[in-house]
Protein backbone atom coordinates (compact mmCIF):
# COMPACT_ATOMS: atom_id res chain seq x y z
CA UNK A 1 -21.56 16.24 22.21
CA UNK A 2 -22.98 12.57 23.31
CA UNK A 3 -25.89 14.25 25.29
CA UNK A 4 -26.79 16.41 22.69
CA UNK A 5 -26.88 13.52 20.25
CA UNK A 6 -29.14 11.77 22.69
CA UNK A 7 -31.58 14.63 23.03
CA UNK A 8 -32.06 15.47 19.46
CA UNK A 9 -33.33 11.24 19.36
CA UNK A 10 -35.25 11.29 22.15
CA UNK A 11 -36.61 15.00 20.57
CA UNK A 12 -37.42 13.48 17.26
CA UNK A 13 -39.35 10.38 18.61
CA UNK A 14 -41.36 13.02 21.59
CA UNK A 15 -42.39 14.86 18.40
CA UNK A 16 -44.05 12.20 16.81
CA UNK A 17 -45.90 10.79 20.09
CA UNK A 18 -46.81 14.38 20.71
CA UNK A 19 -48.20 14.81 17.47
CA UNK A 20 -50.01 11.39 17.16
CA UNK A 21 -51.70 11.98 20.92
CA UNK A 22 -53.19 15.30 19.57
CA UNK A 23 -54.26 13.98 16.65
CA UNK A 24 -51.91 15.77 14.15
CA UNK A 25 -50.00 12.69 12.57
CA UNK A 26 -51.75 9.22 12.07
CA UNK A 27 -49.37 6.72 13.71
CA UNK A 28 -49.30 5.09 10.34
CA UNK A 29 -47.87 7.89 8.36
CA UNK A 30 -44.63 8.45 6.81
CA UNK A 31 -44.06 11.43 8.87
CA UNK A 32 -44.46 9.61 12.35
CA UNK A 33 -42.70 6.50 11.20
CA UNK A 34 -39.75 8.43 9.89
CA UNK A 35 -39.29 10.76 13.12
CA UNK A 36 -39.70 7.59 14.84
CA UNK A 37 -37.38 5.34 12.54
CA UNK A 38 -34.96 8.54 12.72
CA UNK A 39 -34.88 9.38 16.69
CA UNK A 40 -34.74 5.56 17.28
CA UNK A 41 -31.90 4.99 14.92
CA UNK A 42 -29.97 7.75 16.39
CA UNK A 43 -30.46 6.67 19.81
CA UNK A 44 -29.83 2.88 19.11
CA UNK A 45 -26.41 4.53 17.95
CA UNK A 46 -25.72 6.37 21.29
CA UNK A 47 -26.60 2.92 22.72
CA UNK A 48 -24.03 1.15 21.26
CA UNK A 49 -21.42 3.84 22.14
CA UNK A 50 -22.24 3.73 25.91
CA UNK A 51 -22.24 0.20 26.59
CA UNK A 52 -26.06 0.32 27.44
CA UNK A 53 -26.96 -2.96 26.27
CA UNK A 54 -30.80 -2.74 27.73
CA UNK A 55 -31.38 0.91 25.68
CA UNK A 56 -30.12 -0.57 22.78
CA UNK A 57 -32.73 -3.22 23.00
CA UNK A 58 -35.64 -0.88 23.52
CA UNK A 59 -34.31 1.52 20.63
CA UNK A 60 -32.94 -1.05 18.48
CA UNK A 61 -36.90 -2.95 18.23
CA UNK A 62 -38.27 0.26 17.88
CA UNK A 63 -36.12 1.06 14.89
CA UNK A 64 -36.76 -1.92 13.50
CA UNK A 65 -40.52 -2.16 13.86
CA UNK A 66 -40.18 1.61 12.53
CA UNK A 67 -38.43 0.78 9.78
CA UNK A 68 -40.40 -1.90 8.97
CA UNK A 69 -43.27 0.16 8.29
CA UNK A 70 -41.59 2.49 6.17
CA UNK A 71 -41.05 -0.77 4.19
CA UNK A 72 -44.30 -1.88 3.84
CA UNK A 73 -45.77 1.69 2.96
CA UNK A 74 -43.00 1.46 0.22
CA UNK A 75 -44.25 -1.64 -1.16
CA UNK A 76 -47.54 -0.71 -0.95
CA UNK A 77 -47.09 2.49 -3.05
CA UNK A 78 -45.04 0.65 -5.78
CA UNK A 79 -47.54 -2.17 -5.98
CA UNK A 80 -50.05 0.89 -6.35
CA UNK A 81 -48.39 2.23 -8.99
CA UNK A 82 -48.17 -0.80 -11.29
CA UNK A 83 -52.06 -0.95 -11.05
């Protein structure tokens, strides 16, 4: 089961990467950031469960950076709706 979780998380991150490289998604788009956040969060949880601290560092930072981008978009949308 753990391998399935890791594969799903990896596929989410890779889907975002491939879509960006093909020009299908902008790297600042909500969909891109969400795919990266979900995938890296899943992989972070798997890293914790497996005691893989280097992998946790990589995926944890990836999740935080993606979450920051998503939060920034939310703030920008909120500010735009007030004007």
